[in-house]
């Protein structure tokens, strides 16, 4: 629980006043990451409260949290899409007019 809260504190510090993130970051992305960061601590807090009523139900909550993080959420899909649209090093060399590294000029057999 404390780890999730510290993660959120770091995220808040990084995103407030654009200290450590790009100024063009999508505000929806910041909100989604905040919700994802706080989801586990809130469920754990709920599980602790439920543990006074039913230990078995509380354990289910503790088991559910890691399972929720195994499956990609919307923020994970955002990062996946972002990384698939990047320019490869070979395309980057072609765009800049540079011939690229010696390794990129070699044929596959020479490598």
N, C-alpha and C. Protein backbone atom coordinates (compact mmCIF):
# COMPACT_ATOMS: atom_id res chain seq x y z
N UNK A 1 0.83 -1.18 0.00
CA UNK A 1 0.00 0.00 0.00
C UNK A 1 0.88 1.25 0.00
N UNK A 2 1.89 1.25 0.81
CA UNK A 2 2.77 2.41 0.89
C UNK A 2 3.52 2.62 -0.42
N UNK A 3 3.92 1.52 -1.06
CA UNK A 3 4.62 1.63 -2.34
C UNK A 3 3.76 2.32 -3.39
N UNK A 4 2.49 1.96 -3.47
CA UNK A 4 1.58 2.59 -4.42
C UNK A 4 1.40 4.07 -4.13
N UNK A 5 1.33 4.43 -2.86
CA UNK A 5 1.18 5.84 -2.50
C UNK A 5 2.43 6.64 -2.83
N UNK A 6 3.59 6.03 -2.59
CA UNK A 6 4.85 6.72 -2.93
C UNK A 6 4.96 6.87 -4.44
N UNK A 7 4.55 5.85 -5.19
CA UNK A 7 4.55 5.95 -6.65
C UNK A 7 3.67 7.13 -7.09
N UNK A 8 2.51 7.27 -6.47
CA UNK A 8 1.63 8.38 -6.83
C UNK A 8 2.26 9.73 -6.46
N UNK A 9 2.93 9.80 -5.34
CA UNK A 9 3.61 11.05 -4.97
C UNK A 9 4.68 11.42 -6.00
N UNK A 10 5.42 10.43 -6.44
CA UNK A 10 6.44 10.68 -7.47
C UNK A 10 5.80 11.13 -8.78
N UNK A 11 4.70 10.48 -9.17
CA UNK A 11 3.99 10.84 -10.39
C UNK A 11 3.45 12.26 -10.30
N UNK A 12 2.89 12.60 -9.14
CA UNK A 12 2.36 13.95 -8.95
C UNK A 12 3.47 14.99 -9.04
N UNK A 13 4.60 14.71 -8.42
CA UNK A 13 5.73 15.63 -8.49
C UNK A 13 6.19 15.80 -9.94
N UNK A 14 6.28 14.69 -10.66
CA UNK A 14 6.78 14.73 -12.04
C UNK A 14 5.84 15.49 -12.97
N UNK A 15 4.53 15.35 -12.75
CA UNK A 15 3.58 15.94 -13.68
C UNK A 15 3.11 17.33 -13.29
N UNK A 16 3.20 17.68 -12.00
CA UNK A 16 2.75 19.02 -11.62
C UNK A 16 3.74 20.06 -12.15
N UNK A 17 3.20 21.07 -12.74
CA UNK A 17 3.99 22.15 -13.37
C UNK A 17 4.95 21.60 -14.43
N UNK A 18 4.64 20.41 -14.95
CA UNK A 18 5.45 19.78 -16.01
C UNK A 18 6.93 19.72 -15.63
N UNK A 19 7.21 19.35 -14.39
CA UNK A 19 8.59 19.31 -13.92
C UNK A 19 9.44 18.30 -14.69
N UNK A 20 8.89 17.08 -14.82
CA UNK A 20 9.69 16.00 -15.41
C UNK A 20 9.00 15.33 -16.60
N UNK A 21 8.00 15.97 -17.14
CA UNK A 21 7.30 15.42 -18.31
C UNK A 21 7.21 16.49 -19.39
N UNK A 22 6.91 16.03 -20.58
CA UNK A 22 6.75 16.93 -21.72
C UNK A 22 5.56 17.85 -21.48
N UNK A 23 5.68 19.10 -21.83
CA UNK A 23 4.59 20.07 -21.64
C UNK A 23 3.37 19.71 -22.48
N UNK A 24 3.54 18.89 -23.49
CA UNK A 24 2.42 18.51 -24.35
C UNK A 24 1.77 17.20 -23.93
N UNK A 25 2.08 16.72 -22.73
CA UNK A 25 1.49 15.46 -22.26
C UNK A 25 -0.03 15.61 -22.17
N UNK A 26 -0.71 14.58 -22.58
CA UNK A 26 -2.16 14.58 -22.58
C UNK A 26 -2.67 14.55 -21.13
N UNK A 27 -3.51 15.50 -20.73
CA UNK A 27 -4.05 15.49 -19.37
C UNK A 27 -4.83 14.22 -19.04
N UNK A 28 -5.45 13.62 -20.06
CA UNK A 28 -6.16 12.34 -19.83
C UNK A 28 -5.18 11.26 -19.40
N UNK A 29 -3.99 11.27 -19.99
CA UNK A 29 -2.97 10.29 -19.63
C UNK A 29 -2.56 10.47 -18.18
N UNK A 30 -2.40 11.71 -17.76
CA UNK A 30 -2.03 11.98 -16.36
C UNK A 30 -3.12 11.47 -15.42
N UNK A 31 -4.38 11.74 -15.76
CA UNK A 31 -5.48 11.27 -14.91
C UNK A 31 -5.57 9.75 -14.89
N UNK A 32 -5.38 9.12 -16.04
CA UNK A 32 -5.43 7.64 -16.08
C UNK A 32 -4.32 7.03 -15.25
N UNK A 33 -3.14 7.59 -15.36
CA UNK A 33 -2.01 7.07 -14.56
C UNK A 33 -2.26 7.28 -13.08
N UNK A 34 -2.85 8.41 -12.73
CA UNK A 34 -3.17 8.68 -11.32
C UNK A 34 -4.17 7.65 -10.81
N UNK A 35 -5.21 7.39 -11.59
CA UNK A 35 -6.20 6.39 -11.16
C UNK A 35 -5.55 5.01 -11.03
N UNK A 36 -4.71 4.66 -11.97
CA UNK A 36 -4.06 3.33 -11.92
C UNK A 36 -3.12 3.24 -10.72
N UNK A 37 -2.41 4.33 -10.43
CA UNK A 37 -1.49 4.33 -9.29
C UNK A 37 -2.24 4.20 -7.96
N UNK A 38 -3.42 4.79 -7.87
CA UNK A 38 -4.17 4.78 -6.61
C UNK A 38 -5.11 3.59 -6.47
N UNK A 39 -5.31 2.84 -7.55
CA UNK A 39 -6.23 1.72 -7.51
C UNK A 39 -5.81 0.68 -6.46
N UNK A 40 -4.58 0.24 -6.49
CA UNK A 40 -4.13 -0.80 -5.57
C UNK A 40 -4.18 -0.35 -4.11
N UNK A 41 -3.64 0.83 -3.77
CA UNK A 41 -3.74 1.22 -2.36
C UNK A 41 -5.18 1.32 -1.85
N UNK A 42 -6.09 1.79 -2.70
CA UNK A 42 -7.49 1.88 -2.27
C UNK A 42 -8.11 0.50 -2.08
N UNK A 43 -7.82 -0.42 -2.97
CA UNK A 43 -8.36 -1.79 -2.82
C UNK A 43 -7.75 -2.45 -1.58
N UNK A 44 -6.47 -2.25 -1.34
CA UNK A 44 -5.84 -2.82 -0.15
C UNK A 44 -6.45 -2.22 1.12
N UNK A 45 -6.71 -0.92 1.11
CA UNK A 45 -7.34 -0.29 2.27
C UNK A 45 -8.73 -0.86 2.50
N UNK A 46 -9.47 -1.05 1.43
CA UNK A 46 -10.79 -1.67 1.52
C UNK A 46 -10.68 -3.09 2.06
N UNK A 47 -9.68 -3.84 1.59
CA UNK A 47 -9.48 -5.22 2.06
C UNK A 47 -9.16 -5.27 3.55
N UNK A 48 -8.39 -4.30 4.01
CA UNK A 48 -8.07 -4.26 5.44
C UNK A 48 -9.34 -4.02 6.25
N UNK A 49 -10.18 -3.10 5.78
CA UNK A 49 -11.45 -2.86 6.47
C UNK A 49 -12.35 -4.07 6.46
N UNK A 50 -12.43 -4.76 5.33
CA UNK A 50 -13.28 -5.95 5.21
C UNK A 50 -12.74 -7.09 6.06
N UNK A 51 -11.42 -7.10 6.30
CA UNK A 51 -10.84 -8.20 7.08
C UNK A 51 -11.41 -8.29 8.49
N UNK A 52 -11.95 -7.19 9.02
CA UNK A 52 -12.57 -7.23 10.34
C UNK A 52 -13.91 -7.95 10.31
N UNK A 53 -14.50 -8.04 9.12
CA UNK A 53 -15.78 -8.73 8.96
C UNK A 53 -15.61 -10.15 8.44
N UNK A 54 -14.73 -10.31 7.43
CA UNK A 54 -14.53 -11.62 6.82
C UNK A 54 -13.11 -11.72 6.25
N UNK A 55 -12.34 -12.58 6.83
CA UNK A 55 -10.96 -12.75 6.38
C UNK A 55 -10.92 -13.34 4.98
N UNK A 56 -11.82 -14.26 4.67
CA UNK A 56 -11.83 -14.91 3.37
C UNK A 56 -12.10 -13.89 2.24
N UNK A 57 -13.08 -13.03 2.43
CA UNK A 57 -13.38 -12.02 1.41
C UNK A 57 -12.21 -11.05 1.29
N UNK A 58 -11.60 -10.71 2.39
CA UNK A 58 -10.44 -9.82 2.37
C UNK A 58 -9.30 -10.42 1.56
N UNK A 59 -9.07 -11.70 1.72
CA UNK A 59 -8.01 -12.38 0.95
C UNK A 59 -8.30 -12.34 -0.54
N UNK A 60 -9.57 -12.43 -0.91
CA UNK A 60 -9.93 -12.34 -2.32
C UNK A 60 -9.51 -10.99 -2.88
N UNK A 61 -9.75 -9.93 -2.13
CA UNK A 61 -9.33 -8.60 -2.57
C UNK A 61 -7.81 -8.53 -2.75
N UNK A 62 -7.07 -9.11 -1.83
CA UNK A 62 -5.61 -9.11 -1.93
C UNK A 62 -5.11 -9.90 -3.14
N UNK A 63 -5.85 -10.92 -3.52
CA UNK A 63 -5.48 -11.71 -4.68
C UNK A 63 -5.85 -11.00 -5.98
N UNK A 64 -6.94 -10.25 -5.97
CA UNK A 64 -7.44 -9.58 -7.17
C UNK A 64 -6.48 -8.48 -7.65
N UNK A 65 -5.85 -7.77 -6.74
CA UNK A 65 -5.00 -6.63 -7.13
C UNK A 65 -3.89 -7.03 -8.10
N UNK A 66 -3.07 -8.02 -7.80
CA UNK A 66 -2.03 -8.39 -8.78
C UNK A 66 -2.61 -8.84 -10.11
N UNK A 67 -3.76 -9.52 -10.06
CA UNK A 67 -4.39 -9.96 -11.30
C UNK A 67 -4.81 -8.76 -12.15
N UNK A 68 -5.33 -7.72 -11.51
CA UNK A 68 -5.72 -6.51 -12.24
C UNK A 68 -4.51 -5.86 -12.93
N UNK A 69 -3.37 -5.92 -12.30
CA UNK A 69 -2.18 -5.29 -12.87
C UNK A 69 -1.51 -6.15 -13.95
N UNK A 70 -1.86 -7.43 -14.00
CA UNK A 70 -1.29 -8.29 -15.04
C UNK A 70 -1.86 -7.91 -16.40
N UNK A 71 -3.16 -7.63 -16.44
CA UNK A 71 -3.81 -7.29 -17.71
C UNK A 71 -3.57 -5.83 -18.05
N UNK A 72 -3.25 -5.54 -19.31
CA UNK A 72 -2.97 -4.15 -19.69
C UNK A 72 -4.23 -3.29 -19.59
N UNK A 73 -4.04 -2.11 -19.04
CA UNK A 73 -5.12 -1.15 -18.94
C UNK A 73 -5.02 -0.15 -20.09
N UNK A 74 -5.86 0.88 -20.03
CA UNK A 74 -5.84 1.89 -21.10
C UNK A 74 -4.50 2.61 -21.16
N UNK A 75 -3.91 2.86 -20.03
CA UNK A 75 -2.63 3.57 -20.04
C UNK A 75 -1.53 2.72 -20.67
N UNK A 76 -1.59 1.41 -20.47
CA UNK A 76 -0.60 0.52 -21.09
C UNK A 76 -0.78 0.51 -22.61
N UNK A 77 -2.02 0.50 -23.05
CA UNK A 77 -2.27 0.54 -24.49
C UNK A 77 -1.81 1.86 -25.09
N UNK A 78 -1.93 2.94 -24.32
CA UNK A 78 -1.44 4.25 -24.79
C UNK A 78 0.07 4.17 -25.05
N UNK A 79 0.83 3.61 -24.12
CA UNK A 79 2.28 3.53 -24.28
C UNK A 79 2.64 2.60 -25.43
N UNK A 80 1.88 1.51 -25.59
CA UNK A 80 2.15 0.58 -26.68
C UNK A 80 1.96 1.26 -28.02
N UNK A 81 0.87 1.99 -28.18
CA UNK A 81 0.62 2.71 -29.43
C UNK A 81 1.69 3.77 -29.67
N UNK A 82 2.09 4.43 -28.63
CA UNK A 82 3.09 5.49 -28.76
C UNK A 82 4.41 4.93 -29.27
N UNK A 83 4.81 3.77 -28.77
CA UNK A 83 6.10 3.20 -29.14
C UNK A 83 6.07 2.53 -30.52
N UNK A 84 4.91 2.17 -31.02
CA UNK A 84 4.86 1.54 -32.34
C UNK A 84 4.95 2.57 -33.46
N UNK A 85 4.74 3.83 -33.15
CA UNK A 85 4.78 4.88 -34.16
C UNK A 85 6.13 5.59 -34.22
N UNK A 86 7.10 5.07 -33.53
CA UNK A 86 8.42 5.69 -33.56
C UNK A 86 9.15 5.38 -34.85
N UNK A 87 10.08 6.22 -35.20
CA UNK A 87 10.87 6.05 -36.41
C UNK A 87 12.03 5.12 -36.08
N UNK A 88 12.28 4.15 -36.96
CA UNK A 88 13.40 3.23 -36.73
C UNK A 88 14.71 3.96 -37.01
N UNK A 89 15.83 3.46 -36.49
CA UNK A 89 17.12 4.10 -36.74
C UNK A 89 17.45 4.21 -38.22
N UNK A 90 17.02 3.22 -39.03
CA UNK A 90 17.31 3.26 -40.45
C UNK A 90 16.50 4.36 -41.13
N UNK A 91 15.23 4.52 -40.74
CA UNK A 91 14.42 5.58 -41.31
C UNK A 91 14.96 6.94 -40.87
N UNK A 92 15.41 7.02 -39.63
CA UNK A 92 15.95 8.27 -39.11
C UNK A 92 17.19 8.68 -39.90
N UNK A 93 18.05 7.73 -40.23
CA UNK A 93 19.25 8.04 -41.00
C UNK A 93 18.88 8.50 -42.40
N UNK A 94 17.85 7.87 -42.99
CA UNK A 94 17.42 8.26 -44.32
C UNK A 94 16.85 9.67 -44.33
N UNK A 95 16.12 10.04 -43.28
CA UNK A 95 15.51 11.35 -43.23
C UNK A 95 16.53 12.46 -43.03
N UNK A 96 17.60 12.17 -42.31
CA UNK A 96 18.57 13.21 -42.02
C UNK A 96 19.59 13.38 -43.14
N UNK A 97 19.58 12.50 -44.12
CA UNK A 97 20.55 12.58 -45.21
C UNK A 97 21.88 11.94 -44.82
N UNK A 98 21.97 11.44 -43.62
CA UNK A 98 23.18 10.79 -43.14
C UNK A 98 23.16 9.34 -43.63
N UNK A 99 24.31 8.77 -43.84
CA UNK A 99 24.35 7.39 -44.32
C UNK A 99 24.19 6.38 -43.20
N UNK A 100 24.13 6.82 -41.98
CA UNK A 100 23.93 5.91 -40.86
C UNK A 100 25.24 5.32 -40.38
N UNK A 101 25.11 4.39 -39.46
CA UNK A 101 26.29 3.77 -38.87
C UNK A 101 26.90 2.76 -39.83
N UNK A 102 28.16 2.43 -39.64
CA UNK A 102 28.78 1.40 -40.50
C UNK A 102 28.04 0.08 -40.45
N UNK A 103 27.47 -0.24 -39.31
CA UNK A 103 26.74 -1.49 -39.18
C UNK A 103 25.50 -1.48 -40.08
N UNK A 104 24.84 -0.34 -40.19
CA UNK A 104 23.63 -0.28 -41.02
C UNK A 104 23.96 -0.36 -42.51
N UNK A 105 25.19 -0.03 -42.88
CA UNK A 105 25.60 -0.11 -44.30
C UNK A 105 26.02 -1.51 -44.68
N UNK A 106 26.26 -2.39 -43.70
CA UNK A 106 26.69 -3.75 -43.97
C UNK A 106 25.51 -4.60 -44.42
N UNK A 107 25.78 -5.54 -45.25
CA UNK A 107 24.75 -6.49 -45.62
C UNK A 107 24.57 -7.48 -44.47
N UNK A 108 23.44 -8.18 -44.42
CA UNK A 108 23.23 -9.14 -43.33
C UNK A 108 24.33 -10.21 -43.27
N UNK A 109 24.90 -10.58 -44.42
CA UNK A 109 25.94 -11.59 -44.40
C UNK A 109 27.23 -11.07 -43.74
N UNK A 110 27.50 -9.78 -43.90
CA UNK A 110 28.72 -9.19 -43.33
C UNK A 110 28.61 -9.02 -41.82
N UNK A 111 27.41 -8.89 -41.34
CA UNK A 111 27.21 -8.70 -39.90
C UNK A 111 27.48 -10.01 -39.22
